[in-house]
Amino acid sequence: MAIRMNKKNAKAKKVIKKIIAPKVVSKKKTVEAEKNFKIPKSKYFEAMGRRKVASARVRIYEGQGDFVVNNLLVSEYFKNVRNAPAIYMKPFELTGTKGKFSVTVKISGSGLDAQLDALLNGVAKALVAFNPDFRTFLKPAGLLTRDDRMKETRKMGMGGKARRKRQSPKR
């Protein structure tokens, strides 16, 4: 409650301020929209794929279904990556199993490009876990090899960059 003075009459008026509570947005509607994926409840084959700091836990289920990454469809998750559909479907095309599996993936760390490479590595490893004969198709394409290139670490006294040289004194 605040007191406001009227200059003409010099009388005090009582002003009551209403506190408006913020509207609570229910997350149930968004969760329901995300969780409507077709994933079979059958046996699955699991593998881990890695690239830089990104880690992808991949599960492939026998039977048709959706390709889900972090509770989003894979096309939505990697929509800003160029040629992403061609990249993440490559293991299925090489083995001739396109459309025969549904996939769920949990990815964390690094950026989208490294996450896509981690997903590719994980899917290839899961396909080999499903059928070891697929190794003959995936190994020559380089999909089972982890790309171990990492960001170079910073050095002490180098001005904050990894390869920057020390400043030499002029005099």
N, C-alpha and C. Protein backbone atom coordinates (compact mmCIF):
# COMPACT_ATOMS: atom_id res chain seq x y z
N MET A 1 0.84 -1.17 0.00
CA MET A 1 0.00 0.00 0.00
C MET A 1 0.89 1.23 0.00
N ALA A 2 0.53 2.17 -0.82
CA ALA A 2 1.30 3.41 -0.90
C ALA A 2 0.38 4.59 -0.65
N ILE A 3 0.96 5.69 -0.19
CA ILE A 3 0.17 6.91 0.05
C ILE A 3 0.59 7.93 -0.98
N ARG A 4 -0.42 8.47 -1.68
CA ARG A 4 -0.14 9.46 -2.71
C ARG A 4 -0.80 10.78 -2.28
N MET A 5 -0.07 11.86 -2.42
CA MET A 5 -0.58 13.16 -2.01
C MET A 5 -1.15 13.89 -3.21
N ASN A 6 -2.32 14.48 -3.01
CA ASN A 6 -2.93 15.33 -4.02
C ASN A 6 -2.47 16.75 -3.74
N LYS A 7 -1.90 17.43 -4.71
CA LYS A 7 -1.36 18.77 -4.47
C LYS A 7 -2.45 19.80 -4.28
N LYS A 8 -3.58 19.66 -4.95
CA LYS A 8 -4.64 20.67 -4.86
C LYS A 8 -5.31 20.63 -3.50
N ASN A 9 -5.72 19.47 -3.07
CA ASN A 9 -6.50 19.38 -1.84
C ASN A 9 -5.63 19.01 -0.63
N ALA A 10 -4.40 18.60 -0.87
CA ALA A 10 -3.48 18.19 0.19
C ALA A 10 -4.06 17.08 1.04
N LYS A 11 -4.82 16.20 0.42
CA LYS A 11 -5.36 15.04 1.14
C LYS A 11 -4.61 13.79 0.68
N ALA A 12 -4.45 12.88 1.58
CA ALA A 12 -3.77 11.64 1.25
C ALA A 12 -4.78 10.62 0.74
N LYS A 13 -4.40 9.94 -0.35
CA LYS A 13 -5.24 8.88 -0.89
C LYS A 13 -4.53 7.55 -0.70
N LYS A 14 -5.29 6.53 -0.43
CA LYS A 14 -4.72 5.19 -0.32
C LYS A 14 -4.79 4.52 -1.69
N VAL A 15 -3.65 4.02 -2.14
CA VAL A 15 -3.59 3.32 -3.41
C VAL A 15 -3.17 1.88 -3.13
N ILE A 16 -3.95 0.97 -3.64
CA ILE A 16 -3.64 -0.45 -3.44
C ILE A 16 -3.09 -1.00 -4.77
N LYS A 17 -1.87 -1.52 -4.71
CA LYS A 17 -1.27 -2.11 -5.90
C LYS A 17 -1.59 -3.60 -5.95
N LYS A 18 -2.04 -4.00 -7.11
CA LYS A 18 -2.34 -5.42 -7.29
C LYS A 18 -1.10 -6.15 -7.79
N ILE A 19 -0.80 -7.23 -7.15
CA ILE A 19 0.32 -8.06 -7.59
C ILE A 19 -0.25 -9.17 -8.47
N ILE A 20 0.21 -9.16 -9.70
CA ILE A 20 -0.29 -10.15 -10.66
C ILE A 20 0.71 -11.29 -10.72
N ALA A 21 0.22 -12.49 -10.44
CA ALA A 21 1.08 -13.67 -10.48
C ALA A 21 1.36 -14.05 -11.93
N PRO A 22 2.58 -14.47 -12.24
CA PRO A 22 2.87 -14.88 -13.63
C PRO A 22 2.08 -16.13 -14.00
N LYS A 23 1.70 -16.17 -15.26
CA LYS A 23 0.93 -17.32 -15.73
C LYS A 23 1.83 -18.54 -15.79
N VAL A 24 1.30 -19.64 -15.30
CA VAL A 24 2.05 -20.89 -15.33
C VAL A 24 1.74 -21.60 -16.64
N VAL A 25 2.78 -21.83 -17.42
CA VAL A 25 2.61 -22.52 -18.70
C VAL A 25 2.84 -24.00 -18.44
N SER A 26 1.86 -24.79 -18.80
CA SER A 26 2.00 -26.22 -18.56
C SER A 26 2.91 -26.85 -19.60
N LYS A 27 3.83 -27.66 -19.12
CA LYS A 27 4.77 -28.33 -20.01
C LYS A 27 4.21 -29.66 -20.51
N LYS A 28 3.06 -30.04 -20.00
CA LYS A 28 2.49 -31.32 -20.39
C LYS A 28 2.17 -31.38 -21.88
N LYS A 29 1.69 -30.28 -22.44
CA LYS A 29 1.32 -30.28 -23.85
C LYS A 29 2.54 -30.48 -24.74
N THR A 30 3.66 -29.81 -24.38
CA THR A 30 4.86 -29.97 -25.20
C THR A 30 5.45 -31.36 -25.04
N VAL A 31 5.38 -31.91 -23.83
CA VAL A 31 5.92 -33.25 -23.59
C VAL A 31 5.10 -34.28 -24.36
N GLU A 32 3.78 -34.11 -24.36
CA GLU A 32 2.92 -35.06 -25.08
C GLU A 32 3.21 -35.03 -26.58
N ALA A 33 3.48 -33.83 -27.11
CA ALA A 33 3.77 -33.73 -28.54
C ALA A 33 5.10 -34.41 -28.87
N GLU A 34 6.06 -34.33 -27.95
CA GLU A 34 7.36 -34.92 -28.20
C GLU A 34 7.34 -36.44 -28.06
N LYS A 35 6.53 -36.98 -27.17
CA LYS A 35 6.60 -38.39 -26.82
C LYS A 35 5.76 -39.29 -27.73
N ASN A 36 5.16 -38.75 -28.77
CA ASN A 36 4.33 -39.57 -29.65
C ASN A 36 5.16 -40.18 -30.78
N PHE A 37 6.18 -40.94 -30.41
CA PHE A 37 7.03 -41.58 -31.39
C PHE A 37 6.73 -43.07 -31.42
N LYS A 38 6.94 -43.65 -32.58
CA LYS A 38 6.70 -45.07 -32.73
C LYS A 38 8.01 -45.82 -32.50
N ILE A 39 8.15 -46.40 -31.31
CA ILE A 39 9.32 -47.19 -30.95
C ILE A 39 8.84 -48.56 -30.50
N PRO A 40 9.29 -49.63 -31.15
CA PRO A 40 8.85 -50.96 -30.72
C PRO A 40 9.41 -51.31 -29.34
N LYS A 41 8.68 -52.14 -28.64
CA LYS A 41 9.10 -52.57 -27.29
C LYS A 41 9.83 -53.90 -27.36
N SER A 42 10.60 -54.11 -28.40
CA SER A 42 11.28 -55.38 -28.60
C SER A 42 12.73 -55.30 -28.12
N LYS A 43 13.49 -56.33 -28.42
CA LYS A 43 14.90 -56.38 -28.07
C LYS A 43 15.65 -55.30 -28.83
N TYR A 44 16.67 -54.72 -28.18
CA TYR A 44 17.44 -53.68 -28.85
C TYR A 44 18.93 -54.00 -28.75
N PHE A 45 19.70 -53.35 -29.61
CA PHE A 45 21.15 -53.46 -29.61
C PHE A 45 21.71 -52.07 -29.36
N GLU A 46 22.66 -51.99 -28.43
CA GLU A 46 23.13 -50.69 -27.96
C GLU A 46 24.61 -50.52 -28.25
N ALA A 47 25.01 -49.28 -28.54
CA ALA A 47 26.42 -48.95 -28.76
C ALA A 47 26.66 -47.49 -28.42
N MET A 48 27.92 -47.17 -28.15
CA MET A 48 28.32 -45.79 -27.88
C MET A 48 29.14 -45.27 -29.05
N GLY A 49 28.85 -44.06 -29.49
CA GLY A 49 29.64 -43.41 -30.52
C GLY A 49 30.21 -42.13 -29.96
N ARG A 50 31.44 -41.81 -30.35
CA ARG A 50 32.08 -40.60 -29.80
C ARG A 50 32.80 -39.83 -30.89
N ARG A 51 32.87 -38.51 -30.70
CA ARG A 51 33.62 -37.62 -31.57
C ARG A 51 33.89 -36.34 -30.80
N LYS A 52 35.14 -35.91 -30.72
CA LYS A 52 35.54 -34.77 -29.89
C LYS A 52 35.04 -34.98 -28.47
N VAL A 53 34.17 -34.12 -27.97
CA VAL A 53 33.64 -34.29 -26.61
C VAL A 53 32.23 -34.88 -26.65
N ALA A 54 31.66 -35.06 -27.84
CA ALA A 54 30.29 -35.56 -27.97
C ALA A 54 30.23 -37.06 -27.75
N SER A 55 29.20 -37.50 -27.01
CA SER A 55 28.95 -38.92 -26.79
C SER A 55 27.52 -39.22 -27.17
N ALA A 56 27.32 -40.30 -27.92
CA ALA A 56 25.99 -40.69 -28.36
C ALA A 56 25.73 -42.13 -27.92
N ARG A 57 24.66 -42.32 -27.14
CA ARG A 57 24.23 -43.67 -26.77
C ARG A 57 23.11 -44.06 -27.73
N VAL A 58 23.37 -45.06 -28.56
CA VAL A 58 22.46 -45.43 -29.64
C VAL A 58 21.82 -46.77 -29.33
N ARG A 59 20.51 -46.85 -29.50
CA ARG A 59 19.78 -48.11 -29.40
C ARG A 59 19.02 -48.32 -30.70
N ILE A 60 19.21 -49.48 -31.32
CA ILE A 60 18.44 -49.81 -32.51
C ILE A 60 17.50 -50.96 -32.17
N TYR A 61 16.24 -50.79 -32.57
CA TYR A 61 15.21 -51.78 -32.34
C TYR A 61 14.82 -52.41 -33.67
N GLU A 62 14.58 -53.71 -33.66
CA GLU A 62 14.11 -54.37 -34.87
C GLU A 62 12.67 -53.96 -35.13
N GLY A 63 12.35 -53.67 -36.37
CA GLY A 63 11.00 -53.25 -36.73
C GLY A 63 10.97 -51.79 -37.12
N GLN A 64 9.96 -51.44 -37.89
CA GLN A 64 9.86 -50.06 -38.36
C GLN A 64 9.44 -49.14 -37.24
N GLY A 65 9.96 -47.93 -37.29
CA GLY A 65 9.64 -46.93 -36.28
C GLY A 65 10.34 -45.63 -36.58
N ASP A 66 10.40 -44.77 -35.59
CA ASP A 66 10.98 -43.43 -35.77
C ASP A 66 12.45 -43.41 -35.39
N PHE A 67 13.14 -42.40 -35.88
CA PHE A 67 14.54 -42.13 -35.57
C PHE A 67 14.52 -40.93 -34.64
N VAL A 68 14.74 -41.15 -33.34
CA VAL A 68 14.56 -40.12 -32.32
C VAL A 68 15.91 -39.78 -31.68
N VAL A 69 16.22 -38.48 -31.61
CA VAL A 69 17.44 -38.00 -30.97
C VAL A 69 17.04 -37.00 -29.89
N ASN A 70 17.39 -37.29 -28.64
CA ASN A 70 17.09 -36.41 -27.49
C ASN A 70 15.62 -35.97 -27.50
N ASN A 71 14.71 -36.90 -27.67
CA ASN A 71 13.25 -36.67 -27.68
C ASN A 71 12.79 -35.74 -28.79
N LEU A 72 13.53 -35.68 -29.88
CA LEU A 72 13.12 -34.97 -31.09
C LEU A 72 13.37 -35.89 -32.28
N LEU A 73 12.60 -35.69 -33.33
CA LEU A 73 12.89 -36.43 -34.55
C LEU A 73 14.26 -36.00 -35.07
N VAL A 74 14.97 -36.92 -35.69
CA VAL A 74 16.33 -36.64 -36.12
C VAL A 74 16.37 -35.51 -37.15
N SER A 75 15.33 -35.41 -37.98
CA SER A 75 15.30 -34.33 -38.97
C SER A 75 15.15 -32.96 -38.31
N GLU A 76 14.45 -32.90 -37.17
CA GLU A 76 14.32 -31.65 -36.42
C GLU A 76 15.61 -31.31 -35.68
N TYR A 77 16.23 -32.33 -35.09
CA TYR A 77 17.41 -32.10 -34.26
C TYR A 77 18.58 -31.59 -35.10
N PHE A 78 18.77 -32.17 -36.29
CA PHE A 78 19.89 -31.78 -37.15
C PHE A 78 19.44 -30.95 -38.34
N LYS A 79 18.41 -30.12 -38.16
CA LYS A 79 17.87 -29.35 -39.29
C LYS A 79 18.83 -28.27 -39.77
N ASN A 80 19.78 -27.81 -38.94
CA ASN A 80 20.71 -26.76 -39.34
C ASN A 80 22.03 -27.30 -39.89
N VAL A 81 22.15 -28.62 -40.00
CA VAL A 81 23.38 -29.22 -40.51
C VAL A 81 23.15 -29.61 -41.97
N ARG A 82 24.06 -29.18 -42.82
CA ARG A 82 23.94 -29.44 -44.25
C ARG A 82 24.15 -30.94 -44.53
N ASN A 83 23.31 -31.51 -45.37
CA ASN A 83 23.37 -32.92 -45.79
C ASN A 83 23.26 -33.90 -44.63
N ALA A 84 22.61 -33.52 -43.55
CA ALA A 84 22.51 -34.40 -42.39
C ALA A 84 21.76 -35.70 -42.70
N PRO A 85 20.63 -35.67 -43.44
CA PRO A 85 19.94 -36.95 -43.71
C PRO A 85 20.81 -37.95 -44.47
N ALA A 86 21.61 -37.47 -45.39
CA ALA A 86 22.49 -38.38 -46.13
C ALA A 86 23.56 -38.97 -45.21
N ILE A 87 23.99 -38.19 -44.22
CA ILE A 87 25.05 -38.65 -43.31
C ILE A 87 24.52 -39.69 -42.33
N TYR A 88 23.40 -39.39 -41.64
CA TYR A 88 22.95 -40.34 -40.61
C TYR A 88 22.27 -41.58 -41.17
N MET A 89 21.91 -41.58 -42.46
CA MET A 89 21.34 -42.79 -43.06
C MET A 89 22.39 -43.64 -43.78
N LYS A 90 23.63 -43.18 -43.83
CA LYS A 90 24.69 -43.88 -44.56
C LYS A 90 24.92 -45.32 -44.07
N PRO A 91 24.98 -45.60 -42.75
CA PRO A 91 25.20 -46.99 -42.32
C PRO A 91 24.07 -47.93 -42.76
N PHE A 92 22.84 -47.41 -42.75
CA PHE A 92 21.70 -48.25 -43.16
C PHE A 92 21.73 -48.52 -44.66
N GLU A 93 22.16 -47.54 -45.45
CA GLU A 93 22.24 -47.73 -46.90
C GLU A 93 23.35 -48.70 -47.27
N LEU A 94 24.49 -48.63 -46.57
CA LEU A 94 25.61 -49.53 -46.85
C LEU A 94 25.27 -50.98 -46.53
N THR A 95 24.49 -51.18 -45.47
CA THR A 95 24.14 -52.55 -45.05
C THR A 95 22.84 -53.04 -45.66
N GLY A 96 22.10 -52.16 -46.35
CA GLY A 96 20.82 -52.56 -46.96
C GLY A 96 19.71 -52.75 -45.96
N THR A 97 19.76 -52.05 -44.83
CA THR A 97 18.74 -52.19 -43.78
C THR A 97 17.94 -50.91 -43.61
N LYS A 98 17.85 -50.10 -44.65
CA LYS A 98 17.12 -48.83 -44.54
C LYS A 98 15.63 -49.12 -44.31
N GLY A 99 15.07 -48.54 -43.24
CA GLY A 99 13.66 -48.71 -42.92
C GLY A 99 13.35 -49.95 -42.11
N LYS A 100 14.35 -50.74 -41.73
CA LYS A 100 14.10 -51.97 -40.97
C LYS A 100 14.30 -51.80 -39.47
N PHE A 101 14.83 -50.64 -39.05
CA PHE A 101 15.10 -50.40 -37.63
C PHE A 101 14.49 -49.08 -37.19
N SER A 102 14.13 -49.03 -35.92
CA SER A 102 13.83 -47.74 -35.30
C SER A 102 14.97 -47.46 -34.33
N VAL A 103 15.31 -46.18 -34.18
CA VAL A 103 16.52 -45.80 -33.46
C VAL A 103 16.18 -44.75 -32.41
N THR A 104 16.73 -44.91 -31.22
CA THR A 104 16.68 -43.86 -30.20
C THR A 104 18.11 -43.52 -29.82
N VAL A 105 18.37 -42.23 -29.67
CA VAL A 105 19.73 -41.76 -29.38
C VAL A 105 19.67 -40.70 -28.29
N LYS A 106 20.61 -40.77 -27.36
CA LYS A 106 20.83 -39.71 -26.38
C LYS A 106 22.23 -39.16 -26.62
N ILE A 107 22.29 -37.87 -26.95
CA ILE A 107 23.57 -37.24 -27.28
C ILE A 107 23.84 -36.11 -26.30
N SER A 108 25.10 -35.98 -25.91
CA SER A 108 25.48 -34.84 -25.08
C SER A 108 26.89 -34.40 -25.45
N GLY A 109 27.17 -33.13 -25.25
CA GLY A 109 28.52 -32.59 -25.44
C GLY A 109 28.79 -32.07 -26.83
N SER A 110 29.72 -31.15 -26.92
CA SER A 110 30.25 -30.59 -28.16
C SER A 110 29.17 -29.89 -28.99
N GLY A 111 29.40 -29.74 -30.30
CA GLY A 111 28.46 -29.05 -31.18
C GLY A 111 27.71 -30.02 -32.07
N LEU A 112 26.85 -29.48 -32.93
CA LEU A 112 25.99 -30.33 -33.75
C LEU A 112 26.76 -31.21 -34.73
N ASP A 113 27.81 -30.68 -35.34
CA ASP A 113 28.58 -31.48 -36.31
C ASP A 113 29.26 -32.66 -35.63
N ALA A 114 29.87 -32.42 -34.48
CA ALA A 114 30.52 -33.51 -33.74
C ALA A 114 29.49 -34.50 -33.23
N GLN A 115 28.31 -34.01 -32.84
CA GLN A 115 27.24 -34.89 -32.39
C GLN A 115 26.76 -35.78 -33.52
N LEU A 116 26.69 -35.23 -34.73
CA LEU A 116 26.28 -36.02 -35.89
C LEU A 116 27.31 -37.12 -36.18
N ASP A 117 28.59 -36.80 -36.07
CA ASP A 117 29.62 -37.81 -36.28
C ASP A 117 29.58 -38.88 -35.18
N ALA A 118 29.29 -38.49 -33.95
CA ALA A 118 29.16 -39.45 -32.86
C ALA A 118 27.97 -40.37 -33.10
N LEU A 119 26.87 -39.81 -33.59
CA LEU A 119 25.69 -40.60 -33.91
C LEU A 119 25.99 -41.61 -35.01
N LEU A 120 26.72 -41.18 -36.03
CA LEU A 120 27.09 -42.05 -37.15
C LEU A 120 27.94 -43.22 -36.65
N ASN A 121 28.92 -42.93 -35.80
CA ASN A 121 29.78 -43.95 -35.24
C ASN A 121 28.98 -44.93 -34.37
N GLY A 122 28.06 -44.40 -33.57
CA GLY A 122 27.25 -45.25 -32.69
C GLY A 122 26.29 -46.14 -33.46
N VAL A 123 25.67 -45.62 -34.50
CA VAL A 123 24.74 -46.43 -35.31
C VAL A 123 25.50 -47.56 -35.99
N ALA A 124 26.68 -47.26 -36.52
CA ALA A 124 27.48 -48.29 -37.19
C ALA A 124 27.88 -49.39 -36.20
N LYS A 125 28.28 -49.02 -34.99
CA LYS A 125 28.66 -50.02 -33.99
C LYS A 125 27.46 -50.85 -33.55
N ALA A 126 26.28 -50.22 -33.44
CA ALA A 126 25.08 -50.96 -33.06
C ALA A 126 24.67 -51.95 -34.15
N LEU A 127 24.84 -51.56 -35.41
CA LEU A 127 24.54 -52.49 -36.52
C LEU A 127 25.48 -53.69 -36.51
N VAL A 128 26.74 -53.47 -36.15
CA VAL A 128 27.68 -54.58 -36.04
C VAL A 128 27.31 -55.48 -34.86
N ALA A 129 26.81 -54.88 -33.77
CA ALA A 129 26.35 -55.68 -32.64
C ALA A 129 25.15 -56.53 -33.04
N PHE A 130 24.30 -56.00 -33.92
CA PHE A 130 23.14 -56.75 -34.40
C PHE A 130 23.56 -57.90 -35.30
N ASN A 131 24.47 -57.61 -36.26
CA ASN A 131 24.93 -58.63 -37.20
C ASN A 131 26.41 -58.40 -37.49
N PRO A 132 27.31 -59.25 -36.99
CA PRO A 132 28.76 -59.06 -37.21
C PRO A 132 29.17 -59.09 -38.68
N ASP A 133 28.32 -59.61 -39.56
CA ASP A 133 28.66 -59.62 -41.00
C ASP A 133 28.64 -58.21 -41.60
N PHE A 134 27.94 -57.28 -40.96
CA PHE A 134 27.88 -55.90 -41.47
C PHE A 134 29.23 -55.19 -41.36
N ARG A 135 30.14 -55.77 -40.57
CA ARG A 135 31.46 -55.16 -40.39
C ARG A 135 32.20 -55.03 -41.72
N THR A 136 31.99 -55.99 -42.62
CA THR A 136 32.70 -55.97 -43.91
C THR A 136 32.27 -54.78 -44.77
N PHE A 137 31.06 -54.26 -44.56
CA PHE A 137 30.58 -53.11 -45.32
C PHE A 137 30.95 -51.79 -44.65
N LEU A 138 30.92 -51.77 -43.30
CA LEU A 138 31.08 -50.52 -42.56
C LEU A 138 32.55 -50.15 -42.31
N LYS A 139 33.41 -51.15 -42.15
CA LYS A 139 34.82 -50.88 -41.84
C LYS A 139 35.53 -50.17 -43.00
N PRO A 140 35.39 -50.61 -44.27
CA PRO A 140 36.07 -49.89 -45.36
C PRO A 140 35.56 -48.46 -45.55
N ALA A 141 34.31 -48.20 -45.17
CA ALA A 141 33.76 -46.84 -45.29
C ALA A 141 34.25 -45.93 -44.17
N GLY A 142 34.93 -46.50 -43.16
CA GLY A 142 35.49 -45.70 -42.07
C GLY A 142 34.48 -45.33 -41.00
N LEU A 143 33.35 -46.04 -40.93
CA LEU A 143 32.31 -45.68 -39.96
C LEU A 143 32.53 -46.29 -38.58
N LEU A 144 33.36 -47.32 -38.49
CA LEU A 144 33.61 -47.95 -37.19
C LEU A 144 34.82 -47.35 -36.47
N THR A 145 35.56 -46.49 -37.16
CA THR A 145 36.75 -45.88 -36.57
C THR A 145 36.37 -44.57 -35.89
N ARG A 146 36.81 -44.44 -34.63
CA ARG A 146 36.54 -43.20 -33.91
C ARG A 146 37.53 -42.15 -34.37
N ASP A 147 37.03 -40.98 -34.70
CA ASP A 147 37.88 -39.86 -35.09
C ASP A 147 38.41 -39.21 -33.82
N ASP A 148 39.70 -39.40 -33.53
CA ASP A 148 40.24 -38.98 -32.24
C ASP A 148 40.77 -37.56 -32.22
N ARG A 149 40.56 -36.79 -33.27
CA ARG A 149 41.05 -35.42 -33.27
C ARG A 149 40.26 -34.57 -32.28
N MET A 150 41.00 -33.89 -31.40
CA MET A 150 40.37 -33.07 -30.38
C MET A 150 40.88 -31.64 -30.51
N LYS A 151 40.21 -30.73 -29.83
CA LYS A 151 40.65 -29.34 -29.81
C LYS A 151 41.97 -29.28 -29.04
N GLU A 152 42.94 -28.53 -29.58
CA GLU A 152 44.25 -28.44 -28.92
C GLU A 152 44.13 -27.64 -27.63
N THR A 153 44.82 -28.11 -26.60
CA THR A 153 44.73 -27.47 -25.30
C THR A 153 45.53 -26.17 -25.27
N ARG A 154 45.13 -25.26 -24.40
CA ARG A 154 45.83 -23.99 -24.25
C ARG A 154 47.09 -24.20 -23.44
N LYS A 155 48.11 -23.40 -23.74
CA LYS A 155 49.37 -23.49 -23.01
C LYS A 155 49.52 -22.28 -22.09
N MET A 156 50.22 -22.50 -21.01
CA MET A 156 50.45 -21.42 -20.05
C MET A 156 51.41 -20.38 -20.64
N GLY A 157 51.12 -19.11 -20.39
CA GLY A 157 52.01 -18.04 -20.79
C GLY A 157 52.00 -17.73 -22.27
N MET A 158 51.02 -18.21 -23.00
CA MET A 158 50.98 -18.00 -24.45
C MET A 158 49.89 -17.01 -24.85
N GLY A 159 49.35 -16.27 -23.91
CA GLY A 159 48.37 -15.26 -24.24
C GLY A 159 46.98 -15.82 -24.51
N GLY A 160 46.67 -16.99 -24.00
CA GLY A 160 45.32 -17.52 -24.08
C GLY A 160 45.02 -18.39 -25.28
N LYS A 161 45.86 -18.44 -26.28
CA LYS A 161 45.60 -19.27 -27.46
C LYS A 161 46.50 -20.50 -27.42
N ALA A 162 46.11 -21.52 -28.20
CA ALA A 162 46.85 -22.78 -28.17
C ALA A 162 48.20 -22.67 -28.86
N ARG A 163 48.27 -22.00 -30.00
CA ARG A 163 49.51 -21.96 -30.79
C ARG A 163 50.14 -20.58 -30.88
N ARG A 164 49.67 -19.66 -30.08
CA ARG A 164 50.23 -18.31 -30.11
C ARG A 164 51.63 -18.34 -29.53
N LYS A 165 52.54 -17.56 -30.11
CA LYS A 165 53.91 -17.51 -29.62
C LYS A 165 54.03 -16.45 -28.52
N ARG A 166 55.06 -16.63 -27.71
CA ARG A 166 55.32 -15.62 -26.66
C ARG A 166 55.76 -14.31 -27.32
N GLN A 167 55.40 -13.22 -26.69
CA GLN A 167 55.84 -11.93 -27.19
C GLN A 167 57.32 -11.73 -26.87
N SER A 168 58.10 -11.40 -27.88
CA SER A 168 59.52 -11.23 -27.62
C SER A 168 59.79 -9.77 -27.25
N PRO A 169 60.72 -9.55 -26.33
CA PRO A 169 61.02 -8.15 -25.95
C PRO A 169 61.75 -7.41 -27.08
N LYS A 170 61.43 -6.15 -27.26
CA LYS A 170 62.04 -5.38 -28.33
C LYS A 170 63.42 -4.86 -27.95
N ARG A 171 63.65 -4.56 -26.67
CA ARG A 171 64.94 -3.99 -26.26
C ARG A 171 65.55 -4.80 -25.14
